[in-house]
């Protein structure tokens, strides 16, 4: 009995033949191919990521209340929820959509968060505003911040082993004097980060678009010369 048991055990631990190994590898490749081919949509979590360096603080009380209006999406795309595509070598595409926040929400909430961290008193409301002087509501605090989303997209080109990520975020940010119902400053900013990598994942798509969004916001509100000019105008014309 003991001899037979040992013999059976030896058979079980014999290594796979070369032909069997090739078959298993082939099956893994085929399984992986059909798994990827079944994907019809990618979704990513778009959000503002606070900067690693400390945000410059301001005297919040001195500048009263800032209201950040909902940004206007002026992108030339039919579906405003679409934020990019994964493009294959044959030209086929798989769309990329936001998992939670649409671009208008991600931009608006991101600016509100940055200003709050910087020490400004920011209104909890984000009203709709068409950037026209005559539509400014007197109840929108002291300074109104609004603008447009001109570009907001992340694209991954799958070129064999190489994966090429290209991202574009372009914003127009407008500042208005609420009391005088007048726009007094406008700034445009554009970011275009890119990356070449051997790996593809939704997480990497997230990293690229969030880096571009965060960089755009910080270029506007983290720019010392720009914010100094805005603060001077606030002091002279509003306070």
Protein backbone atom coordinates (compact mmCIF):
# COMPACT_ATOMS: atom_id res chain seq x y z
CA UNK A 1 0.00 0.00 0.00
CA UNK A 2 2.75 2.37 0.96
CA UNK A 3 4.60 1.78 -2.31
CA UNK A 4 1.56 2.42 -4.50
CA UNK A 5 0.74 5.68 -2.68
CA UNK A 6 4.24 6.99 -3.23
CA UNK A 7 4.14 6.12 -6.91
CA UNK A 8 0.87 8.01 -7.44
CA UNK A 9 2.30 11.02 -5.63
CA UNK A 10 5.35 11.05 -7.88
CA UNK A 11 3.12 11.16 -10.93
CA UNK A 12 1.25 14.18 -9.63
CA UNK A 13 4.33 16.34 -9.22
CA UNK A 14 5.82 15.65 -12.63
CA UNK A 15 6.44 18.93 -14.50
CA UNK A 16 4.27 19.96 -17.44
CA UNK A 17 5.50 18.98 -20.87
CA UNK A 18 6.79 21.67 -23.22
CA UNK A 19 3.74 21.26 -25.48
CA UNK A 20 1.36 21.60 -22.53
CA UNK A 21 3.16 24.75 -21.37
CA UNK A 22 2.76 26.33 -24.81
CA UNK A 23 -0.94 25.50 -24.81
CA UNK A 24 -1.44 27.11 -21.41
CA UNK A 25 0.43 30.25 -22.47
CA UNK A 26 -1.66 30.45 -25.63
CA UNK A 27 -4.88 30.11 -23.63
CA UNK A 28 -3.75 32.90 -21.27
CA UNK A 29 -3.04 35.21 -24.21
CA UNK A 30 -6.39 34.45 -25.84
CA UNK A 31 -8.20 34.96 -22.53
CA UNK A 32 -6.43 38.27 -22.01
CA UNK A 33 -7.30 39.38 -25.55
CA UNK A 34 -11.00 38.67 -25.18
CA UNK A 35 -11.02 40.24 -21.72
CA UNK A 36 -9.61 43.49 -23.14
CA UNK A 37 -11.84 43.32 -26.21
CA UNK A 38 -14.94 43.14 -24.01
CA UNK A 39 -14.22 46.56 -22.45
CA UNK A 40 -16.54 49.17 -23.96
CA UNK A 41 -16.02 52.04 -21.52
CA UNK A 42 -13.45 53.39 -19.06
CA UNK A 43 -14.46 55.50 -16.05
CA UNK A 44 -12.07 57.53 -13.92
CA UNK A 45 -12.34 59.66 -10.79
CA UNK A 46 -11.69 63.26 -11.84
CA UNK A 47 -10.83 65.59 -8.97
CA UNK A 48 -8.54 68.41 -7.92
CA UNK A 49 -5.44 67.20 -6.07
CA UNK A 50 -4.03 69.68 -3.52
CA UNK A 51 -0.41 70.72 -4.19
CA UNK A 52 2.45 69.08 -2.32
CA UNK A 53 3.81 72.48 -1.31
CA UNK A 54 1.86 74.66 1.11
CA UNK A 55 -0.68 77.05 -0.41
CA UNK A 56 0.12 80.70 0.28
CA UNK A 57 -2.23 81.98 2.99
CA UNK A 58 -4.04 85.33 2.83
CA UNK A 59 -5.95 87.52 5.26
CA UNK A 60 -9.36 85.97 4.69
CA UNK A 61 -11.37 88.62 6.57
CA UNK A 62 -9.75 91.42 4.58
CA UNK A 63 -11.12 90.25 1.26
CA UNK A 64 -14.64 89.34 2.35
CA UNK A 65 -16.62 86.59 0.57
CA UNK A 66 -15.65 84.98 -2.74
CA UNK A 67 -18.28 83.13 -4.73
CA UNK A 68 -17.21 80.57 -7.32
CA UNK A 69 -19.83 80.19 -10.03
CA UNK A 70 -20.30 76.95 -11.94
CA UNK A 71 -17.94 76.94 -14.90
CA UNK A 72 -19.39 76.84 -18.40
CA UNK A 73 -18.39 73.88 -20.56
CA UNK A 74 -17.53 75.28 -24.00
CA UNK A 75 -15.76 72.20 -25.33
CA UNK A 76 -16.62 71.28 -28.91
CA UNK A 77 -17.90 67.80 -28.08
CA UNK A 78 -21.43 66.47 -28.43
CA UNK A 79 -21.36 64.59 -25.14
CA UNK A 80 -20.20 66.94 -22.36
CA UNK A 81 -19.55 63.95 -20.11
CA UNK A 82 -16.89 62.59 -22.47
CA UNK A 83 -13.36 63.38 -21.27
CA UNK A 84 -11.23 61.34 -23.65
CA UNK A 85 -10.58 58.11 -25.48
CA UNK A 86 -8.29 55.10 -25.50
CA UNK A 87 -7.13 54.83 -29.11
CA UNK A 88 -5.81 51.61 -30.63
CA UNK A 89 -3.39 51.19 -33.52
CA UNK A 90 -6.24 50.30 -35.90
CA UNK A 91 -7.98 53.60 -35.13
CA UNK A 92 -10.73 52.13 -32.93
CA UNK A 93 -11.59 53.95 -29.73
CA UNK A 94 -12.99 53.28 -26.27
CA UNK A 95 -14.50 56.36 -24.57
CA UNK A 96 -13.46 57.65 -21.16
CA UNK A 97 -16.12 59.10 -18.84
CA UNK A 98 -15.90 60.59 -15.34
CA UNK A 99 -16.86 58.21 -12.54
CA UNK A 100 -18.33 60.82 -10.19
CA UNK A 101 -17.78 64.48 -11.13
CA UNK A 102 -18.33 65.97 -14.56
CA UNK A 103 -15.69 68.47 -15.77
CA UNK A 104 -17.77 71.50 -14.70
CA UNK A 105 -18.07 70.10 -11.17
CA UNK A 106 -14.43 69.03 -10.95
CA UNK A 107 -13.19 72.48 -12.02
CA UNK A 108 -15.65 74.45 -9.89
CA UNK A 109 -15.16 72.40 -6.72
CA UNK A 110 -11.41 72.33 -7.27
CA UNK A 111 -11.19 76.13 -7.38
CA UNK A 112 -13.40 76.41 -4.30
CA UNK A 113 -11.14 74.00 -2.42
CA UNK A 114 -7.97 75.84 -3.43
CA UNK A 115 -9.34 79.23 -2.33
CA UNK A 116 -10.61 77.79 0.96
CA UNK A 117 -7.22 76.26 1.74
CA UNK A 118 -5.58 79.57 0.84
CA UNK A 119 -7.63 81.26 3.56
CA UNK A 120 -10.34 83.01 1.58
CA UNK A 121 -13.90 82.98 2.82
CA UNK A 122 -15.69 81.06 0.06
CA UNK A 123 -19.45 80.88 -0.34
CA UNK A 124 -21.00 77.41 -0.12
CA UNK A 125 -23.12 78.23 -3.19
CA UNK A 126 -22.00 77.90 -6.80
CA UNK A 127 -24.57 79.73 -8.93
CA UNK A 128 -24.86 79.59 -12.70
CA UNK A 129 -23.30 82.62 -14.41
CA UNK A 130 -22.89 83.41 -18.11
CA UNK A 131 -19.94 85.79 -17.44
CA UNK A 132 -21.99 88.85 -18.38
CA UNK A 133 -21.97 91.98 -16.21
CA UNK A 134 -25.74 92.41 -16.21
CA UNK A 135 -26.40 88.93 -14.83
CA UNK A 136 -24.33 89.33 -11.66
CA UNK A 137 -26.46 88.93 -8.55
CA UNK A 138 -25.81 91.40 -5.72
CA UNK A 139 -26.11 88.55 -3.23
CA UNK A 140 -23.05 86.76 -4.60
CA UNK A 141 -20.63 88.11 -2.02
CA UNK A 142 -17.84 90.55 -2.79
CA UNK A 143 -15.84 88.88 -5.55
CA UNK A 144 -17.29 86.51 -8.14
CA UNK A 145 -15.09 83.90 -9.84
CA UNK A 146 -16.33 82.13 -12.95
CA UNK A 147 -15.14 81.02 -16.33
CA UNK A 148 -15.17 78.48 -19.11
CA UNK A 149 -13.74 75.04 -19.77
CA UNK A 150 -12.21 75.22 -23.25
CA UNK A 151 -10.37 71.87 -23.26
CA UNK A 152 -10.57 68.94 -20.87
CA UNK A 153 -9.40 65.61 -22.20
CA UNK A 154 -7.06 62.69 -21.65
CA UNK A 155 -6.10 60.33 -24.47
CA UNK A 156 -4.13 57.11 -24.33
CA UNK A 157 -2.67 55.78 -27.58
CA UNK A 158 -2.03 52.05 -27.34
CA UNK A 159 0.84 51.47 -29.76
CA UNK A 160 1.94 47.90 -29.11
CA UNK A 161 3.99 47.70 -25.94
CA UNK A 162 4.20 51.50 -25.70
CA UNK A 163 1.31 53.44 -24.16
CA UNK A 164 1.30 57.17 -24.92
CA UNK A 165 -0.77 59.43 -22.65
CA UNK A 166 -1.65 62.97 -23.77
CA UNK A 167 -3.71 65.37 -21.67
CA UNK A 168 -5.04 68.86 -22.34
CA UNK A 169 -6.81 71.19 -19.92
CA UNK A 170 -7.55 74.78 -20.93
CA UNK A 171 -9.48 77.19 -18.71
CA UNK A 172 -10.58 80.80 -18.90
CA UNK A 173 -11.04 82.28 -15.42
CA UNK A 174 -12.99 85.52 -14.90
CA UNK A 175 -13.09 87.75 -11.81
CA UNK A 176 -15.92 90.22 -11.20
CA UNK A 177 -16.73 93.00 -8.75
CA UNK A 178 -20.15 92.00 -7.38
CA UNK A 179 -21.03 95.43 -5.98
CA UNK A 180 -20.28 97.19 -9.26
CA UNK A 181 -21.53 94.31 -11.42
CA UNK A 182 -18.43 94.41 -13.57
CA UNK A 183 -15.76 91.96 -14.72
CA UNK A 184 -12.33 93.37 -13.83
CA UNK A 185 -9.89 90.59 -14.66
CA UNK A 186 -9.63 87.61 -17.04
CA UNK A 187 -6.88 85.04 -17.33
CA UNK A 188 -6.39 82.02 -19.61
CA UNK A 189 -4.32 78.98 -18.69
CA UNK A 190 -3.46 75.74 -20.49
CA UNK A 191 -1.66 72.57 -19.36
CA UNK A 192 -0.51 69.71 -21.59
CA UNK A 193 1.21 66.94 -19.60
CA UNK A 194 2.25 63.78 -21.46
CA UNK A 195 3.64 60.37 -20.53
CA UNK A 196 5.02 57.31 -22.30
CA UNK A 197 4.73 54.09 -20.34
CA UNK A 198 4.51 50.33 -20.86
CA UNK A 199 1.56 50.01 -18.49
CA UNK A 200 -2.07 50.97 -19.05
CA UNK A 201 -4.72 51.38 -16.37
CA UNK A 202 -7.64 53.58 -15.41
CA UNK A 203 -5.56 54.76 -12.45
CA UNK A 204 -2.92 56.13 -14.83
CA UNK A 205 -5.60 57.94 -16.82
CA UNK A 206 -6.80 59.47 -13.54
CA UNK A 207 -3.31 60.59 -12.61
CA UNK A 208 -2.80 62.36 -15.93
CA UNK A 209 -6.08 64.30 -16.04
CA UNK A 210 -5.94 65.20 -12.34
CA UNK A 211 -2.36 66.42 -12.69
CA UNK A 212 -3.41 68.65 -15.59
CA UNK A 213 -6.46 70.00 -13.71
CA UNK A 214 -4.50 70.69 -10.52
CA UNK A 215 -1.69 72.36 -12.42
CA UNK A 216 -4.14 74.63 -14.27
CA UNK A 217 -5.83 75.76 -11.05
CA UNK A 218 -2.49 76.39 -9.35
CA UNK A 219 -1.19 78.38 -12.32
CA UNK A 220 -4.10 80.77 -11.93
CA UNK A 221 -4.44 81.10 -8.17
CA UNK A 222 -0.89 80.23 -7.20
CA UNK A 223 0.61 82.87 -9.48
CA UNK A 224 1.87 85.59 -7.12
CA UNK A 225 1.85 88.39 -9.70
CA UNK A 226 -1.66 87.58 -10.88
CA UNK A 227 -3.13 87.29 -7.39
CA UNK A 228 -1.33 90.41 -6.23
CA UNK A 229 -2.89 92.39 -9.06
CA UNK A 230 -6.31 90.94 -8.24
CA UNK A 231 -5.93 91.74 -4.53
CA UNK A 232 -4.89 95.31 -5.32
CA UNK A 233 -7.94 95.78 -7.52
CA UNK A 234 -10.14 94.30 -4.81
CA UNK A 235 -8.74 96.74 -2.26
CA UNK A 236 -9.04 99.79 -4.49
CA UNK A 237 -12.37 99.16 -6.18
CA UNK A 238 -14.36 97.05 -3.77
CA UNK A 239 -13.34 97.61 -0.19
